[in-house]
PDB file of N, CA and C in Angstrom:
ATOM      1  N   UNK A   1     -16.926   8.566  19.583  1.00  0.00           N
ATOM      2  CA  UNK A   1     -16.119   7.440  19.001  1.00  0.00           C
ATOM      3  C   UNK A   1     -15.596   8.355  17.409  1.00  0.00           C
ATOM      4  N   UNK A   2     -15.298   7.622  16.613  1.00  0.00           N
ATOM      5  CA  UNK A   2     -15.210   8.098  14.855  1.00  0.00           C
ATOM      6  C   UNK A   2     -16.256   7.759  14.708  1.00  0.00           C
ATOM      7  N   UNK A   3     -16.678   8.288  13.120  1.00  0.00           N
ATOM      8  CA  UNK A   3     -17.484   8.225  12.995  1.00  0.00           C
ATOM      9  C   UNK A   3     -17.684   6.959  11.846  1.00  0.00           C
ATOM     10  N   UNK A   4     -16.980   5.840  11.993  1.00  0.00           N
ATOM     11  CA  UNK A   4     -17.298   4.716  11.376  1.00  0.00           C
ATOM     12  C   UNK A   4     -17.447   3.731  12.572  1.00  0.00           C
ATOM     13  N   UNK A   5     -17.014   3.886  13.882  1.00  0.00           N
ATOM     14  CA  UNK A   5     -17.038   2.852  15.026  1.00  0.00           C
ATOM     15  C   UNK A   5     -18.116   3.461  15.735  1.00  0.00           C
ATOM     16  N   UNK A   6     -18.632   2.342  16.735  1.00  0.00           N
ATOM     17  CA  UNK A   6     -19.968   2.712  17.516  1.00  0.00           C
ATOM     18  C   UNK A   6     -19.374   2.038  18.514  1.00  0.00           C
ATOM     19  N   UNK A   7     -19.924   2.642  20.098  1.00  0.00           N
ATOM     20  CA  UNK A   7     -19.840   2.359  21.023  1.00  0.00           C
ATOM     21  C   UNK A   7     -21.150   1.213  21.765  1.00  0.00           C
ATOM     22  N   UNK A   8     -20.782   0.086  22.583  1.00  0.00           N
ATOM     23  CA  UNK A   8     -21.663  -0.892  22.758  1.00  0.00           C
ATOM     24  C   UNK A   8     -21.181  -0.804  24.648  1.00  0.00           C
ATOM     25  N   UNK A   9     -22.272  -1.244  25.057  1.00  0.00           N
ATOM     26  CA  UNK A   9     -22.325  -1.515  26.235  1.00  0.00           C
ATOM     27  C   UNK A   9     -22.013  -2.775  26.714  1.00  0.00           C
ATOM     28  N   UNK A  10     -22.381  -3.128  28.344  1.00  0.00           N
ATOM     29  CA  UNK A  10     -22.271  -4.516  28.518  1.00  0.00           C
ATOM     30  C   UNK A  10     -24.219  -4.875  28.449  1.00  0.00           C
ATOM     31  N   UNK A  11     -25.154  -3.648  28.187  1.00  0.00           N
ATOM     32  CA  UNK A  11     -26.199  -3.666  28.035  1.00  0.00           C
ATOM     33  C   UNK A  11     -26.589  -3.460  26.853  1.00  0.00           C
ATOM     34  N   UNK A  12     -25.981  -3.210  26.428  1.00  0.00           N
ATOM     35  CA  UNK A  12     -26.504  -3.429  24.841  1.00  0.00           C
ATOM     36  C   UNK A  12     -25.589  -4.893  23.858  1.00  0.00           C
ATOM     37  N   UNK A  13     -24.439  -4.941  24.504  1.00  0.00           N
ATOM     38  CA  UNK A  13     -23.803  -5.972  23.941  1.00  0.00           C
ATOM     39  C   UNK A  13     -24.426  -7.072  23.103  1.00  0.00           C
ATOM     40  N   UNK A  14     -25.594  -7.413  23.665  1.00  0.00           N
ATOM     41  CA  UNK A  14     -26.063  -8.851  22.895  1.00  0.00           C
ATOM     42  C   UNK A  14     -27.014  -8.339  21.764  1.00  0.00           C
ATOM     43  N   UNK A  15     -27.552  -7.521  21.959  1.00  0.00           N
ATOM     44  CA  UNK A  15     -28.401  -6.933  20.499  1.00  0.00           C
ATOM     45  C   UNK A  15     -27.385  -5.827  19.819  1.00  0.00           C
ATOM     46  N   UNK A  16     -26.128  -5.729  20.225  1.00  0.00           N
ATOM     47  CA  UNK A  16     -25.273  -4.845  18.711  1.00  0.00           C
ATOM     48  C   UNK A  16     -24.484  -5.991  18.401  1.00  0.00           C
ATOM     49  N   UNK A  17     -24.024  -7.005  19.341  1.00  0.00           N
ATOM     50  CA  UNK A  17     -22.927  -7.753  18.841  1.00  0.00           C
ATOM     51  C   UNK A  17     -23.545  -8.984  18.224  1.00  0.00           C
ATOM     52  N   UNK A  18     -23.922  -9.696  19.657  1.00  0.00           N
ATOM     53  CA  UNK A  18     -24.291 -11.150  19.356  1.00  0.00           C
ATOM     54  C   UNK A  18     -25.371 -11.723  18.504  1.00  0.00           C
ATOM     55  N   UNK A  19     -26.384 -10.541  18.243  1.00  0.00           N
ATOM     56  CA  UNK A  19     -28.076 -10.754  17.481  1.00  0.00           C
ATOM     57  C   UNK A  19     -27.462  -9.721  16.128  1.00  0.00           C
ATOM     58  N   UNK A  20     -26.283  -9.315  15.849  1.00  0.00           N
ATOM     59  CA  UNK A  20     -26.157  -8.565  14.945  1.00  0.00           C
ATOM     60  C   UNK A  20     -26.183  -9.029  13.405  1.00  0.00           C
ATOM     61  N   UNK A  21     -26.824  -8.825  12.494  1.00  0.00           N
ATOM     62  CA  UNK A  21     -27.119  -9.565  11.039  1.00  0.00           C
ATOM     63  C   UNK A  21     -25.709  -9.709  10.211  1.00  0.00           C
ATOM     64  N   UNK A  22     -24.809  -8.341  10.498  1.00  0.00           N
ATOM     65  CA  UNK A  22     -23.587  -8.209  10.308  1.00  0.00           C
ATOM     66  C   UNK A  22     -22.734  -8.967  10.808  1.00  0.00           C
ATOM     67  N   UNK A  23     -21.248  -9.526  10.691  1.00  0.00           N
ATOM     68  CA  UNK A  23     -20.319  -9.572  11.729  1.00  0.00           C
ATOM     69  C   UNK A  23     -19.923  -8.520  12.727  1.00  0.00           C
ATOM     70  N   UNK A  24     -19.626  -8.374  13.656  1.00  0.00           N
ATOM     71  CA  UNK A  24     -19.093  -7.412  14.527  1.00  0.00           C
ATOM     72  C   UNK A  24     -17.389  -7.886  14.825  1.00  0.00           C
ATOM     73  N   UNK A  25     -16.564  -7.113  14.659  1.00  0.00           N
ATOM     74  CA  UNK A  25     -15.358  -6.418  15.338  1.00  0.00           C
ATOM     75  C   UNK A  25     -15.609  -5.804  16.619  1.00  0.00           C
ATOM     76  N   UNK A  26     -15.158  -6.489  17.489  1.00  0.00           N
ATOM     77  CA  UNK A  26     -15.461  -5.879  19.011  1.00  0.00           C
ATOM     78  C   UNK A  26     -13.732  -5.480  19.131  1.00  0.00           C
ATOM     79  N   UNK A  27     -13.864  -4.312  19.645  1.00  0.00           N
ATOM     80  CA  UNK A  27     -12.130  -3.242  20.629  1.00  0.00           C
ATOM     81  C   UNK A  27     -12.900  -3.586  21.761  1.00  0.00           C
ATOM     82  N   UNK A  28     -12.352  -4.577  22.588  1.00  0.00           N
ATOM     83  CA  UNK A  28     -12.118  -4.007  24.156  1.00  0.00           C
ATOM     84  C   UNK A  28     -10.735  -3.239  24.464  1.00  0.00           C
ATOM     85  N   UNK A  29     -11.060  -1.883  25.240  1.00  0.00           N
ATOM     86  CA  UNK A  29     -10.171  -1.042  25.489  1.00  0.00           C
ATOM     87  C   UNK A  29     -10.670  -0.491  26.513  1.00  0.00           C
ATOM     88  N   UNK A  30      -9.718   0.556  26.949  1.00  0.00           N
ATOM     89  CA  UNK A  30      -9.471   1.269  27.818  1.00  0.00           C
ATOM     90  C   UNK A  30      -8.911   2.726  27.904  1.00  0.00           C
ATOM     91  N   UNK A  31      -9.658   3.603  28.166  1.00  0.00           N
ATOM     92  CA  UNK A  31      -9.449   5.355  28.253  1.00  0.00           C
ATOM     93  C   UNK A  31      -7.623   5.627  28.555  1.00  0.00           C
ATOM     94  N   UNK A  32      -7.075   4.448  29.516  1.00  0.00           N
ATOM     95  CA  UNK A  32      -5.487   4.971  29.847  1.00  0.00           C
ATOM     96  C   UNK A  32      -4.361   3.465  29.309  1.00  0.00           C
ATOM     97  N   UNK A  33      -5.112   3.150  28.377  1.00  0.00           N
ATOM     98  CA  UNK A  33      -4.348   2.019  27.772  1.00  0.00           C
ATOM     99  C   UNK A  33      -3.740   2.857  25.966  1.00  0.00           C
ATOM    100  N   UNK A  34      -2.564   3.061  26.368  1.00  0.00           N
ATOM    101  CA  UNK A  34      -1.919   3.915  25.203  1.00  0.00           C
ATOM    102  C   UNK A  34      -2.024   3.251  23.662  1.00  0.00           C
ATOM    103  N   UNK A  35      -1.691   1.610  23.674  1.00  0.00           N
ATOM    104  CA  UNK A  35      -1.715   1.032  22.831  1.00  0.00           C
ATOM    105  C   UNK A  35      -3.236   0.675  22.385  1.00  0.00           C
ATOM    106  N   UNK A  36      -4.762   0.897  23.035  1.00  0.00           N
ATOM    107  CA  UNK A  36      -5.794   1.027  22.535  1.00  0.00           C
ATOM    108  C   UNK A  36      -6.237   2.475  21.990  1.00  0.00           C
ATOM    109  N   UNK A  37      -5.200   3.714  22.225  1.00  0.00           N
ATOM    110  CA  UNK A  37      -5.590   4.486  21.442  1.00  0.00           C
ATOM    111  C   UNK A  37      -4.780   4.361  20.209  1.00  0.00           C
ATOM    112  N   UNK A  38      -3.950   4.028  20.482  1.00  0.00           N
ATOM    113  CA  UNK A  38      -3.033   4.018  18.795  1.00  0.00           C
ATOM    114  C   UNK A  38      -3.780   3.178  17.662  1.00  0.00           C
ATOM    115  N   UNK A  39      -4.588   1.759  18.452  1.00  0.00           N
ATOM    116  CA  UNK A  39      -4.861   1.315  17.391  1.00  0.00           C
ATOM    117  C   UNK A  39      -6.675   2.132  17.054  1.00  0.00           C
ATOM    118  N   UNK A  40      -7.015   2.859  17.610  1.00  0.00           N
ATOM    119  CA  UNK A  40      -8.136   3.617  17.056  1.00  0.00           C
ATOM    120  C   UNK A  40      -8.391   3.904  15.862  1.00  0.00           C
ATOM    121  N   UNK A  41      -7.314   4.649  15.378  1.00  0.00           N
ATOM    122  CA  UNK A  41      -7.233   5.347  13.528  1.00  0.00           C
ATOM    123  C   UNK A  41      -7.473   4.339  13.174  1.00  0.00           C
ATOM    124  N   UNK A  42      -6.527   2.449  13.587  1.00  0.00           N
ATOM    125  CA  UNK A  42      -6.533   1.749  12.351  1.00  0.00           C
ATOM    126  C   UNK A  42      -8.300   1.170  12.070  1.00  0.00           C
ATOM    127  N   UNK A  43      -8.767   0.978  13.464  1.00  0.00           N
ATOM    128  CA  UNK A  43      -9.959   0.732  12.962  1.00  0.00           C
ATOM    129  C   UNK A  43     -10.973   1.253  12.220  1.00  0.00           C
ATOM    130  N   UNK A  44     -10.772   2.494  12.835  1.00  0.00           N
ATOM    131  CA  UNK A  44     -11.754   3.528  12.018  1.00  0.00           C
ATOM    132  C   UNK A  44     -11.801   3.039  10.347  1.00  0.00           C
ATOM    133  N   UNK A  45     -10.228   3.201  10.109  1.00  0.00           N
ATOM    134  CA  UNK A  45      -9.970   2.906   8.607  1.00  0.00           C
ATOM    135  C   UNK A  45     -11.378   1.453   8.096  1.00  0.00           C
ATOM    136  N   UNK A  46     -10.346   0.856   8.789  1.00  0.00           N
ATOM    137  CA  UNK A  46     -11.086  -0.686   8.576  1.00  0.00           C
ATOM    138  C   UNK A  46     -12.522  -0.580   8.737  1.00  0.00           C
ATOM    139  N   UNK A  47     -13.228   0.010   9.632  1.00  0.00           N
ATOM    140  CA  UNK A  47     -14.958   0.296   9.487  1.00  0.00           C
ATOM    141  C   UNK A  47     -15.091   1.492   8.429  1.00  0.00           C
ATOM    142  N   UNK A  48     -14.490   2.021   7.985  1.00  0.00           N
ATOM    143  CA  UNK A  48     -14.806   2.539   6.970  1.00  0.00           C
ATOM    144  C   UNK A  48     -15.137   2.189   5.150  1.00  0.00           C
ATOM    145  N   UNK A  49     -13.923   1.406   4.900  1.00  0.00           N
ATOM    146  CA  UNK A  49     -13.775   0.608   4.126  1.00  0.00           C
ATOM    147  C   UNK A  49     -15.253  -0.729   4.370  1.00  0.00           C
ATOM    148  N   UNK A  50     -14.665  -1.349   5.046  1.00  0.00           N
ATOM    149  CA  UNK A  50     -15.980  -2.513   4.985  1.00  0.00           C
ATOM    150  C   UNK A  50     -17.013  -2.538   5.937  1.00  0.00           C
ATOM    151  N   UNK A  51     -17.683  -0.982   5.773  1.00  0.00           N
ATOM    152  CA  UNK A  51     -19.016  -0.553   6.068  1.00  0.00           C
ATOM    153  C   UNK A  51     -19.886  -1.522   6.217  1.00  0.00           C
ATOM    154  N   UNK A  52     -20.361  -1.931   5.268  1.00  0.00           N
ATOM    155  CA  UNK A  52     -21.258  -2.302   4.115  1.00  0.00           C
ATOM    156  C   UNK A  52     -21.663  -4.024   4.591  1.00  0.00           C
ATOM    157  N   UNK A  53     -19.863  -4.521   5.210  1.00  0.00           N
ATOM    158  CA  UNK A  53     -19.842  -5.619   5.283  1.00  0.00           C
ATOM    159  C   UNK A  53     -19.645  -6.758   6.913  1.00  0.00           C
ATOM    160  N   UNK A  54     -19.636  -5.334   6.995  1.00  0.00           N
ATOM    161  CA  UNK A  54     -18.952  -5.414   8.717  1.00  0.00           C
ATOM    162  C   UNK A  54     -19.658  -4.164   9.930  1.00  0.00           C
ATOM    163  N   UNK A  55     -19.808  -4.542  10.855  1.00  0.00           N
ATOM    164  CA  UNK A  55     -19.879  -3.542  12.157  1.00  0.00           C
ATOM    165  C   UNK A  55     -18.317  -3.470  12.958  1.00  0.00           C
ATOM    166  N   UNK A  56     -17.768  -2.058  13.203  1.00  0.00           N
ATOM    167  CA  UNK A  56     -17.053  -2.265  14.023  1.00  0.00           C
ATOM    168  C   UNK A  56     -17.296  -1.735  15.374  1.00  0.00           C
ATOM    169  N   UNK A  57     -17.452  -2.157  16.315  1.00  0.00           N
ATOM    170  CA  UNK A  57     -17.636  -1.516  17.781  1.00  0.00           C
ATOM    171  C   UNK A  57     -16.619  -2.036  18.973  1.00  0.00           C
ATOM    172  N   UNK A  58     -17.037  -0.579  19.491  1.00  0.00           N
ATOM    173  CA  UNK A  58     -15.895  -0.264  20.888  1.00  0.00           C
ATOM    174  C   UNK A  58     -16.487  -0.704  22.676  1.00  0.00           C
ATOM    175  N   UNK A  59     -15.663  -1.232  23.419  1.00  0.00           N
ATOM    176  CA  UNK A  59     -16.622  -1.488  24.481  1.00  0.00           C
ATOM    177  C   UNK A  59     -15.233  -0.923  25.517  1.00  0.00           C
ATOM    178  N   UNK A  60     -15.351   0.052  26.508  1.00  0.00           N
ATOM    179  CA  UNK A  60     -14.684   0.440  27.209  1.00  0.00           C
ATOM    180  C   UNK A  60     -14.873  -0.513  28.383  1.00  0.00           C
ATOM    181  N   UNK A  61     -13.606  -1.239  28.691  1.00  0.00           N
ATOM    182  CA  UNK A  61     -13.967  -2.291  29.952  1.00  0.00           C
ATOM    183  C   UNK A  61     -13.632  -1.981  31.299  1.00  0.00           C
ATOM    184  N   UNK A  62     -13.586  -0.613  31.428  1.00  0.00           N
ATOM    185  CA  UNK A  62     -13.746   0.007  32.945  1.00  0.00           C
ATOM    186  C   UNK A  62     -14.985   0.375  33.065  1.00  0.00           C
ATOM    187  N   UNK A  63     -15.803   0.464  32.448  1.00  0.00           N
ATOM    188  CA  UNK A  63     -17.672   0.867  32.476  1.00  0.00           C
ATOM    189  C   UNK A  63     -17.853   0.304  32.363  1.00  0.00           C
ATOM    190  N   UNK A  64     -17.695  -1.299  31.742  1.00  0.00           N
ATOM    191  CA  UNK A  64     -18.536  -2.339  31.127  1.00  0.00           C
ATOM    192  C   UNK A  64     -17.667  -3.313  31.373  1.00  0.00           C
ATOM    193  N   UNK A  65     -17.739  -3.829  32.507  1.00  0.00           N
ATOM    194  CA  UNK A  65     -16.487  -5.347  33.074  1.00  0.00           C
ATOM    195  C   UNK A  65     -17.243  -6.455  32.797  1.00  0.00           C
ATOM    196  N   UNK A  66     -18.774  -6.943  32.181  1.00  0.00           N
ATOM    197  CA  UNK A  66     -19.312  -7.904  32.138  1.00  0.00           C
ATOM    198  C   UNK A  66     -18.889  -8.795  30.647  1.00  0.00           C
ATOM    199  N   UNK A  67     -19.071  -7.628  29.919  1.00  0.00           N
ATOM    200  CA  UNK A  67     -18.828  -8.630  28.514  1.00  0.00           C
ATOM    201  C   UNK A  67     -17.411  -9.221  28.353  1.00  0.00           C
ATOM    202  N   UNK A  68     -16.031  -8.291  29.032  1.00  0.00           N
ATOM    203  CA  UNK A  68     -14.879  -8.874  29.002  1.00  0.00           C
ATOM    204  C   UNK A  68     -14.700 -10.155  29.680  1.00  0.00           C
ATOM    205  N   UNK A  69     -15.253  -9.966  31.055  1.00  0.00           N
ATOM    206  CA  UNK A  69     -15.446 -11.235  31.707  1.00  0.00           C
ATOM    207  C   UNK A  69     -15.757 -12.382  31.104  1.00  0.00           C
ATOM    208  N   UNK A  70     -16.402 -12.376  30.262  1.00  0.00           N
ATOM    209  CA  UNK A  70     -17.869 -13.146  29.685  1.00  0.00           C
ATOM    210  C   UNK A  70     -16.982 -14.164  28.959  1.00  0.00           C
ATOM    211  N   UNK A  71     -16.144 -12.837  27.576  1.00  0.00           N
ATOM    212  CA  UNK A  71     -14.940 -13.600  26.858  1.00  0.00           C
ATOM    213  C   UNK A  71     -13.535 -13.771  27.146  1.00  0.00           C
ATOM    214  N   UNK A  72     -13.244 -13.571  28.131  1.00  0.00           N
ATOM    215  CA  UNK A  72     -12.136 -14.061  28.881  1.00  0.00           C
ATOM    216  C   UNK A  72     -11.047 -13.014  28.803  1.00  0.00           C
ATOM    217  N   UNK A  73     -10.992 -11.957  28.529  1.00  0.00           N
ATOM    218  CA  UNK A  73     -10.217 -10.805  27.940  1.00  0.00           C
ATOM    219  C   UNK A  73      -9.662 -10.355  28.823  1.00  0.00           C
ATOM    220  N   UNK A  74      -8.173 -10.310  28.905  1.00  0.00           N
ATOM    221  CA  UNK A  74      -7.346 -10.502  30.624  1.00  0.00           C
ATOM    222  C   UNK A  74      -6.554  -9.129  30.088  1.00  0.00           C
ATOM    223  N   UNK A  75      -6.176  -8.836  28.454  1.00  0.00           N
ATOM    224  CA  UNK A  75      -5.544  -7.460  28.219  1.00  0.00           C
ATOM    225  C   UNK A  75      -6.188  -7.104  27.660  1.00  0.00           C
ATOM    226  N   UNK A  76      -5.620  -5.746  27.213  1.00  0.00           N
ATOM    227  CA  UNK A  76      -6.200  -4.878  25.969  1.00  0.00           C
ATOM    228  C   UNK A  76      -5.160  -4.193  25.195  1.00  0.00           C
ATOM    229  N   UNK A  77      -5.205  -3.661  23.819  1.00  0.00           N
ATOM    230  CA  UNK A  77      -6.505  -3.812  23.444  1.00  0.00           C
ATOM    231  C   UNK A  77      -6.608  -5.481  22.895  1.00  0.00           C
ATOM    232  N   UNK A  78      -7.953  -6.097  23.115  1.00  0.00           N
ATOM    233  CA  UNK A  78      -7.900  -7.002  22.491  1.00  0.00           C
ATOM    234  C   UNK A  78      -9.036  -6.921  21.407  1.00  0.00           C
ATOM    235  N   UNK A  79      -9.300  -7.857  20.438  1.00  0.00           N
ATOM    236  CA  UNK A  79      -9.769  -7.703  19.479  1.00  0.00           C
ATOM    237  C   UNK A  79     -10.712  -9.324  19.372  1.00  0.00           C
ATOM    238  N   UNK A  80     -11.865  -9.216  19.171  1.00  0.00           N
ATOM    239  CA  UNK A  80     -12.437 -10.108  18.889  1.00  0.00           C
ATOM    240  C   UNK A  80     -13.799 -10.036  17.878  1.00  0.00           C
ATOM    241  N   UNK A  81     -13.755 -10.994  16.604  1.00  0.00           N
ATOM    242  CA  UNK A  81     -14.869 -10.958  15.595  1.00  0.00           C
ATOM    243  C   UNK A  81     -15.722 -12.348  15.884  1.00  0.00           C
ATOM    244  N   UNK A  82     -16.897 -11.556  15.671  1.00  0.00           N
ATOM    245  CA  UNK A  82     -17.925 -12.405  16.297  1.00  0.00           C
ATOM    246  C   UNK A  82     -19.469 -12.272  14.960  1.00  0.00           C
ATOM    247  N   UNK A  83     -19.012 -13.732  14.417  1.00  0.00           N
ATOM    248  CA  UNK A  83     -20.524 -13.860  13.529  1.00  0.00           C
ATOM    249  C   UNK A  83     -21.916 -14.537  13.947  1.00  0.00           C
ATOM    250  N   UNK A  84     -22.886 -14.163  13.593  1.00  0.00           N
ATOM    251  CA  UNK A  84     -24.173 -14.905  13.654  1.00  0.00           C
ATOM    252  C   UNK A  84     -23.915 -15.569  15.501  1.00  0.00           C
ATOM    253  N   UNK A  85     -23.186 -14.262  16.267  1.00  0.00           N
ATOM    254  CA  UNK A  85     -23.281 -14.865  17.801  1.00  0.00           C
ATOM    255  C   UNK A  85     -22.399 -14.990  18.000  1.00  0.00           C
ATOM    256  N   UNK A  86     -21.518 -15.867  17.327  1.00  0.00           N
ATOM    257  CA  UNK A  86     -20.412 -16.884  17.651  1.00  0.00           C
ATOM    258  C   UNK A  86     -18.929 -16.193  17.670  1.00  0.00           C
ATOM    259  N   UNK A  87     -18.256 -16.025  18.745  1.00  0.00           N
ATOM    260  CA  UNK A  87     -16.650 -15.952  18.767  1.00  0.00           C
ATOM    261  C   UNK A  87     -16.002 -16.543  17.296  1.00  0.00           C
ATOM    262  N   UNK A  88     -15.720 -15.575  16.507  1.00  0.00           N
ATOM    263  CA  UNK A  88     -14.946 -16.736  15.375  1.00  0.00           C
ATOM    264  C   UNK A  88     -13.348 -16.501  15.424  1.00  0.00           C
ATOM    265  N   UNK A  89     -13.098 -15.134  16.298  1.00  0.00           N
ATOM    266  CA  UNK A  89     -11.346 -15.068  16.444  1.00  0.00           C
ATOM    267  C   UNK A  89     -11.025 -14.205  17.290  1.00  0.00           C
ATOM    268  N   UNK A  90      -9.552 -14.097  17.277  1.00  0.00           N
ATOM    269  CA  UNK A  90      -9.213 -12.479  18.393  1.00  0.00           C
ATOM    270  C   UNK A  90      -7.812 -12.516  18.000  1.00  0.00           C
ATOM    271  N   UNK A  91      -7.563 -11.271  18.662  1.00  0.00           N
ATOM    272  CA  UNK A  91      -6.197 -11.058  18.466  1.00  0.00           C
ATOM    273  C   UNK A  91      -5.669 -10.064  19.767  1.00  0.00           C
ATOM    274  N   UNK A  92      -5.037 -10.142  20.129  1.00  0.00           N
ATOM    275  CA  UNK A  92      -4.454  -9.286  21.070  1.00  0.00           C
ATOM    276  C   UNK A  92      -3.196  -7.764  20.618  1.00  0.00           C
ATOM    277  N   UNK A  93      -3.542  -7.050  21.333  1.00  0.00           N
ATOM    278  CA  UNK A  93      -2.357  -5.741  21.038  1.00  0.00           C
ATOM    279  C   UNK A  93      -2.750  -4.846  20.136  1.00  0.00           C
ATOM    280  N   UNK A  94      -1.545  -3.841  19.973  1.00  0.00           N
ATOM    281  CA  UNK A  94      -2.348  -3.217  18.991  1.00  0.00           C
ATOM    282  C   UNK A  94      -1.100  -3.438  17.277  1.00  0.00           C
ATOM    283  N   UNK A  95      -2.340  -4.090  16.735  1.00  0.00           N
ATOM    284  CA  UNK A  95      -1.996  -5.169  15.492  1.00  0.00           C
ATOM    285  C   UNK A  95      -1.891  -3.997  14.403  1.00  0.00           C
ATOM    286  N   UNK A  96      -1.015  -4.235  12.940  1.00  0.00           N
ATOM    287  CA  UNK A  96      -0.874  -3.673  12.348  1.00  0.00           C
ATOM    288  C   UNK A  96      -2.210  -3.560  11.518  1.00  0.00           C
ATOM    289  N   UNK A  97      -2.304  -2.637  10.526  1.00  0.00           N
ATOM    290  CA  UNK A  97      -4.102  -2.860   9.604  1.00  0.00           C
ATOM    291  C   UNK A  97      -4.123  -4.368   8.523  1.00  0.00           C
ATOM    292  N   UNK A  98      -3.013  -4.352   8.416  1.00  0.00           N
ATOM    293  CA  UNK A  98      -3.088  -5.416   7.657  1.00  0.00           C
ATOM    294  C   UNK A  98      -3.713  -7.142   8.396  1.00  0.00           C
ATOM    295  N   UNK A  99      -3.373  -6.585   9.389  1.00  0.00           N
ATOM    296  CA  UNK A  99      -3.571  -8.258  10.618  1.00  0.00           C
ATOM    297  C   UNK A  99      -5.396  -7.914  11.073  1.00  0.00           C
ATOM    298  N   UNK A 100      -5.553  -6.311  11.162  1.00  0.00           N
ATOM    299  CA  UNK A 100      -7.535  -6.223  11.238  1.00  0.00           C
ATOM    300  C   UNK A 100      -7.896  -7.015  10.042  1.00  0.00           C
ATOM    301  N   UNK A 101      -7.267  -6.100   8.902  1.00  0.00           N
ATOM    302  CA  UNK A 101      -8.206  -6.846   7.480  1.00  0.00           C
ATOM    303  C   UNK A 101      -8.167  -8.203   7.401  1.00  0.00           C
ATOM    304  N   UNK A 102      -6.987  -8.811   7.927  1.00  0.00           N
ATOM    305  CA  UNK A 102      -7.383 -10.432   7.782  1.00  0.00           C
ATOM    306  C   UNK A 102      -8.215 -10.728   8.877  1.00  0.00           C
ATOM    307  N   UNK A 103      -8.384 -10.813   9.793  1.00  0.00           N
ATOM    308  CA  UNK A 103      -9.141 -10.747  10.433  1.00  0.00           C
ATOM    309  C   UNK A 103     -10.994 -10.668  10.030  1.00  0.00           C
ATOM    310  N   UNK A 104     -10.820  -9.186   9.958  1.00  0.00           N
ATOM    311  CA  UNK A 104     -12.275  -8.490   8.462  1.00  0.00           C
ATOM    312  C   UNK A 104     -12.171 -10.039   7.804  1.00  0.00           C
ATOM    313  N   UNK A 105     -11.628 -10.674   6.440  1.00  0.00           N
ATOM    314  CA  UNK A 105     -11.453 -11.460   5.771  1.00  0.00           C
ATOM    315  C   UNK A 105     -12.441 -13.068   6.439  1.00  0.00           C
ATOM    316  N   UNK A 106     -11.862 -13.255   6.985  1.00  0.00           N
ATOM    317  CA  UNK A 106     -12.663 -14.600   7.696  1.00  0.00           C
ATOM    318  C   UNK A 106     -14.063 -14.588   7.773  1.00  0.00           C
ATOM    319  N   UNK A 107     -14.540 -13.201   8.441  1.00  0.00           N
ATOM    320  CA  UNK A 107     -16.175 -13.636   8.332  1.00  0.00           C
ATOM    321  C   UNK A 107     -16.946 -12.916   7.230  1.00  0.00           C
ATOM    322  N   UNK A 108     -15.691 -12.495   6.257  1.00  0.00           N
ATOM    323  CA  UNK A 108     -16.576 -12.276   4.954  1.00  0.00           C
ATOM    324  C   UNK A 108     -16.468 -12.755   4.214  1.00  0.00           C
ATOM    325  N   UNK A 109     -15.579 -13.292   3.836  1.00  0.00           N
ATOM    326  CA  UNK A 109     -15.078 -14.132   2.814  1.00  0.00           C
ATOM    327  C   UNK A 109     -16.220 -14.963   1.735  1.00  0.00           C
TER     328      UNK A 109
END
């Protein structure tokens, strides 16, 4: 992935996301998904700008079916933001940077 985003798997999801001290923005994506690939640079930018306040991670739904099923992910890309192990908000599709920042601001304000 990029310099500012990390990869999580079903095996690391609990430790990296649910038990994270920082809020976490999770990108549920797949290699074949063009809107997912289009969203990646936006997430990289947001991750860089908010790096001390939030963690941005990506989970490939084809390789890791557990977490998407646990959180009801039906289409991708889906962004879900977690704080203190709880799902706070989510967004579907390739959204503009302003909407990604708005998601982030809900948990760091």
